[in-house]
Amino acid sequence: MSDPLIRSCSNYVVLEPGKEEKILTKDETLDWLENWLGQLEELPKDLVNQVSNKAAAIRLLDTACDLEIKLGFTIQWFAVRLSSDSY
């Protein structure tokens, strides 16, 4: 089970192979995950019972930090806390 403190974070750093890291809001990260899930031929076994890709993205955000899209290509996301000084 994920740390409840992570759920209070509202930003995530997302990593895709061959691209620079991006910092996204929670909603943007959910959209990003939902988009990747939509590109899979089949969902991972622990996500197939979700009612939609949005629900699967929410579950992923709560329980994982990476997703293998294809062999050797894995996306990752990590909750980050931005200080108010960085705005």
N, C-alpha and C. Protein backbone atom coordinates (compact mmCIF):
# COMPACT_ATOMS: atom_id res chain seq x y z
N MET A 1 0.84 -1.17 0.00
CA MET A 1 0.00 0.00 0.00
C MET A 1 0.88 1.24 0.00
N SER A 2 0.48 2.24 -0.73
CA SER A 2 1.27 3.46 -0.83
C SER A 2 1.17 4.30 0.44
N ASP A 3 2.14 5.15 0.63
CA ASP A 3 2.19 6.04 1.77
C ASP A 3 1.10 7.10 1.61
N PRO A 4 0.24 7.31 2.62
CA PRO A 4 -0.81 8.32 2.52
C PRO A 4 -0.27 9.72 2.26
N LEU A 5 0.95 10.00 2.67
CA LEU A 5 1.56 11.30 2.42
C LEU A 5 1.67 11.58 0.93
N ILE A 6 1.90 10.54 0.15
CA ILE A 6 2.01 10.70 -1.31
C ILE A 6 0.70 11.22 -1.89
N ARG A 7 -0.42 10.79 -1.34
CA ARG A 7 -1.72 11.24 -1.87
C ARG A 7 -1.93 12.73 -1.67
N SER A 8 -1.20 13.32 -0.73
CA SER A 8 -1.35 14.76 -0.50
C SER A 8 -0.48 15.58 -1.46
N CYS A 9 0.39 14.93 -2.21
CA CYS A 9 1.23 15.65 -3.17
C CYS A 9 0.41 15.98 -4.41
N SER A 10 0.65 17.15 -4.95
CA SER A 10 -0.15 17.57 -6.10
C SER A 10 0.68 17.69 -7.37
N ASN A 11 1.94 17.27 -7.32
CA ASN A 11 2.80 17.30 -8.51
C ASN A 11 3.58 16.00 -8.63
N TYR A 12 3.89 15.67 -9.87
CA TYR A 12 4.63 14.44 -10.16
C TYR A 12 5.69 14.74 -11.21
N VAL A 13 6.83 14.09 -11.06
CA VAL A 13 7.82 14.11 -12.12
C VAL A 13 7.55 12.84 -12.93
N VAL A 14 7.45 12.99 -14.25
CA VAL A 14 7.19 11.84 -15.12
C VAL A 14 8.38 11.63 -16.04
N LEU A 15 8.70 10.38 -16.25
CA LEU A 15 9.87 10.01 -17.05
C LEU A 15 9.47 9.06 -18.16
N GLU A 16 9.92 9.38 -19.36
CA GLU A 16 9.72 8.52 -20.52
C GLU A 16 11.09 8.30 -21.14
N PRO A 17 11.41 7.07 -21.54
CA PRO A 17 12.71 6.82 -22.15
C PRO A 17 12.95 7.75 -23.35
N GLY A 18 14.13 8.35 -23.40
CA GLY A 18 14.51 9.20 -24.52
C GLY A 18 13.98 10.61 -24.46
N LYS A 19 13.26 10.96 -23.39
CA LYS A 19 12.71 12.31 -23.27
C LYS A 19 13.18 12.92 -21.95
N GLU A 20 13.12 14.25 -21.89
CA GLU A 20 13.46 14.93 -20.65
C GLU A 20 12.33 14.77 -19.65
N GLU A 21 12.67 14.79 -18.38
CA GLU A 21 11.65 14.69 -17.34
C GLU A 21 10.72 15.89 -17.40
N LYS A 22 9.48 15.66 -16.98
CA LYS A 22 8.49 16.73 -16.93
C LYS A 22 7.88 16.74 -15.54
N ILE A 23 7.51 17.90 -15.08
CA ILE A 23 6.76 18.01 -13.83
C ILE A 23 5.33 18.37 -14.20
N LEU A 24 4.41 17.51 -13.75
CA LEU A 24 3.00 17.68 -14.07
C LEU A 24 2.17 17.77 -12.80
N THR A 25 1.01 18.37 -12.91
CA THR A 25 0.07 18.35 -11.81
C THR A 25 -0.51 16.95 -11.69
N LYS A 26 -1.23 16.70 -10.61
CA LYS A 26 -1.85 15.38 -10.43
C LYS A 26 -2.81 15.08 -11.58
N ASP A 27 -3.65 16.04 -11.95
CA ASP A 27 -4.60 15.83 -13.05
C ASP A 27 -3.88 15.58 -14.37
N GLU A 28 -2.82 16.32 -14.63
CA GLU A 28 -2.05 16.12 -15.86
C GLU A 28 -1.39 14.75 -15.85
N THR A 29 -0.92 14.31 -14.69
CA THR A 29 -0.30 12.99 -14.58
C THR A 29 -1.32 11.90 -14.83
N LEU A 30 -2.53 12.06 -14.30
CA LEU A 30 -3.59 11.08 -14.57
C LEU A 30 -3.92 11.02 -16.06
N ASP A 31 -3.99 12.17 -16.72
CA ASP A 31 -4.23 12.20 -18.17
C ASP A 31 -3.10 11.52 -18.91
N TRP A 32 -1.86 11.79 -18.48
CA TRP A 32 -0.67 11.19 -19.10
C TRP A 32 -0.72 9.66 -18.97
N LEU A 33 -1.05 9.17 -17.77
CA LEU A 33 -1.16 7.72 -17.55
C LEU A 33 -2.31 7.13 -18.36
N GLU A 34 -3.43 7.82 -18.39
CA GLU A 34 -4.58 7.33 -19.15
C GLU A 34 -4.24 7.21 -20.63
N ASN A 35 -3.50 8.18 -21.15
CA ASN A 35 -3.07 8.13 -22.54
C ASN A 35 -2.18 6.90 -22.80
N TRP A 36 -1.23 6.66 -21.91
CA TRP A 36 -0.35 5.49 -22.07
C TRP A 36 -1.15 4.19 -21.98
N LEU A 37 -2.07 4.13 -21.04
CA LEU A 37 -2.90 2.92 -20.90
C LEU A 37 -3.71 2.67 -22.17
N GLY A 38 -4.15 3.73 -22.82
CA GLY A 38 -4.91 3.60 -24.06
C GLY A 38 -4.09 3.05 -25.21
N GLN A 39 -2.78 3.11 -25.10
CA GLN A 39 -1.90 2.60 -26.15
C GLN A 39 -1.54 1.13 -25.97
N LEU A 40 -1.88 0.57 -24.81
CA LEU A 40 -1.57 -0.84 -24.56
C LEU A 40 -2.56 -1.75 -25.27
N GLU A 41 -2.07 -2.87 -25.76
CA GLU A 41 -2.96 -3.85 -26.36
C GLU A 41 -3.86 -4.49 -25.31
N GLU A 42 -3.30 -4.74 -24.13
CA GLU A 42 -4.10 -5.23 -23.01
C GLU A 42 -3.53 -4.66 -21.71
N LEU A 43 -4.42 -4.41 -20.78
CA LEU A 43 -4.01 -3.85 -19.50
C LEU A 43 -3.30 -4.90 -18.65
N PRO A 44 -2.43 -4.47 -17.76
CA PRO A 44 -1.82 -5.42 -16.81
C PRO A 44 -2.91 -6.11 -15.99
N LYS A 45 -2.61 -7.30 -15.53
CA LYS A 45 -3.61 -8.12 -14.83
C LYS A 45 -4.26 -7.41 -13.65
N ASP A 46 -3.49 -6.60 -12.92
CA ASP A 46 -4.08 -5.94 -11.75
C ASP A 46 -4.95 -4.74 -12.11
N LEU A 47 -5.05 -4.41 -13.40
CA LEU A 47 -5.87 -3.28 -13.82
C LEU A 47 -7.07 -3.68 -14.67
N VAL A 48 -7.14 -4.92 -15.09
CA VAL A 48 -8.20 -5.33 -16.02
C VAL A 48 -9.60 -5.21 -15.42
N ASN A 49 -9.69 -5.23 -14.10
CA ASN A 49 -11.02 -5.14 -13.48
C ASN A 49 -11.48 -3.69 -13.28
N GLN A 50 -10.67 -2.73 -13.69
CA GLN A 50 -11.06 -1.33 -13.57
C GLN A 50 -12.09 -1.00 -14.65
N VAL A 51 -13.02 -0.11 -14.34
CA VAL A 51 -14.14 0.17 -15.24
C VAL A 51 -13.74 1.06 -16.43
N SER A 52 -12.61 1.74 -16.32
CA SER A 52 -12.16 2.60 -17.40
C SER A 52 -10.66 2.82 -17.29
N ASN A 53 -10.08 3.38 -18.35
CA ASN A 53 -8.66 3.71 -18.29
C ASN A 53 -8.39 4.79 -17.26
N LYS A 54 -9.36 5.67 -17.04
CA LYS A 54 -9.22 6.71 -16.02
C LYS A 54 -9.13 6.06 -14.64
N ALA A 55 -10.00 5.11 -14.37
CA ALA A 55 -9.97 4.39 -13.09
C ALA A 55 -8.66 3.62 -12.94
N ALA A 56 -8.18 3.03 -14.03
CA ALA A 56 -6.91 2.31 -14.00
C ALA A 56 -5.76 3.27 -13.72
N ALA A 57 -5.81 4.47 -14.30
CA ALA A 57 -4.76 5.47 -14.07
C ALA A 57 -4.76 5.90 -12.61
N ILE A 58 -5.93 6.08 -12.03
CA ILE A 58 -6.02 6.45 -10.61
C ILE A 58 -5.42 5.35 -9.75
N ARG A 59 -5.74 4.12 -10.05
CA ARG A 59 -5.18 2.98 -9.30
C ARG A 59 -3.67 2.96 -9.42
N LEU A 60 -3.16 3.15 -10.63
CA LEU A 60 -1.71 3.18 -10.82
C LEU A 60 -1.06 4.28 -10.00
N LEU A 61 -1.65 5.45 -10.03
CA LEU A 61 -1.08 6.58 -9.30
C LEU A 61 -1.03 6.28 -7.80
N ASP A 62 -2.01 5.54 -7.30
CA ASP A 62 -2.08 5.21 -5.88
C ASP A 62 -1.19 4.04 -5.48
N THR A 63 -0.84 3.18 -6.44
CA THR A 63 -0.21 1.92 -6.04
C THR A 63 1.13 1.61 -6.71
N ALA A 64 1.53 2.40 -7.69
CA ALA A 64 2.75 2.05 -8.44
C ALA A 64 3.53 3.30 -8.80
N CYS A 65 4.68 3.09 -9.41
CA CYS A 65 5.48 4.23 -9.88
C CYS A 65 6.10 3.94 -11.24
N ASP A 66 5.72 2.82 -11.86
CA ASP A 66 6.21 2.55 -13.21
C ASP A 66 5.24 1.63 -13.94
N LEU A 67 5.37 1.65 -15.26
CA LEU A 67 4.54 0.80 -16.11
C LEU A 67 5.34 0.44 -17.34
N GLU A 68 5.50 -0.87 -17.56
CA GLU A 68 6.19 -1.32 -18.76
C GLU A 68 5.22 -1.28 -19.93
N ILE A 69 5.53 -0.44 -20.91
CA ILE A 69 4.68 -0.28 -22.08
C ILE A 69 4.96 -1.39 -23.08
N LYS A 70 6.23 -1.67 -23.27
CA LYS A 70 6.67 -2.80 -24.08
C LYS A 70 8.03 -3.21 -23.54
N LEU A 71 8.51 -4.34 -23.95
CA LEU A 71 9.78 -4.85 -23.45
C LEU A 71 10.88 -3.80 -23.63
N GLY A 72 11.48 -3.40 -22.52
CA GLY A 72 12.56 -2.43 -22.56
C GLY A 72 12.12 -0.98 -22.57
N PHE A 73 10.81 -0.71 -22.51
CA PHE A 73 10.29 0.67 -22.52
C PHE A 73 9.34 0.82 -21.35
N THR A 74 9.84 1.46 -20.31
CA THR A 74 9.07 1.64 -19.08
C THR A 74 8.94 3.12 -18.77
N ILE A 75 7.72 3.54 -18.47
CA ILE A 75 7.50 4.91 -18.02
C ILE A 75 7.48 4.91 -16.50
N GLN A 76 7.83 6.05 -15.90
CA GLN A 76 7.85 6.15 -14.45
C GLN A 76 7.27 7.49 -14.01
N TRP A 77 6.77 7.54 -12.78
CA TRP A 77 6.25 8.77 -12.20
C TRP A 77 6.51 8.74 -10.70
N PHE A 78 6.81 9.90 -10.16
CA PHE A 78 7.12 10.00 -8.75
C PHE A 78 6.49 11.28 -8.19
N ALA A 79 5.84 11.15 -7.06
CA ALA A 79 5.27 12.33 -6.40
C ALA A 79 6.39 13.23 -5.92
N VAL A 80 6.21 14.52 -6.12
CA VAL A 80 7.19 15.49 -5.66
C VAL A 80 6.46 16.62 -4.95
N ARG A 81 7.15 17.18 -3.99
CA ARG A 81 6.60 18.33 -3.28
C ARG A 81 7.41 19.54 -3.73
N LEU A 82 6.75 20.51 -4.32
CA LEU A 82 7.41 21.71 -4.77
C LEU A 82 7.30 22.76 -3.68
N SER A 83 8.40 23.40 -3.39
CA SER A 83 8.33 24.47 -2.40
C SER A 83 7.77 25.72 -3.07
N SER A 84 7.19 26.59 -2.28
CA SER A 84 6.61 27.81 -2.84
C SER A 84 7.67 28.71 -3.43
N ASP A 85 8.95 28.49 -3.08
CA ASP A 85 10.04 29.28 -3.63
C ASP A 85 10.27 28.98 -5.11
N SER A 86 9.79 27.82 -5.58
CA SER A 86 10.06 27.43 -6.96
C SER A 86 9.04 28.00 -7.93
N TYR A 87 8.05 28.71 -7.46
CA TYR A 87 7.03 29.28 -8.35
C TYR A 87 7.42 30.64 -8.83
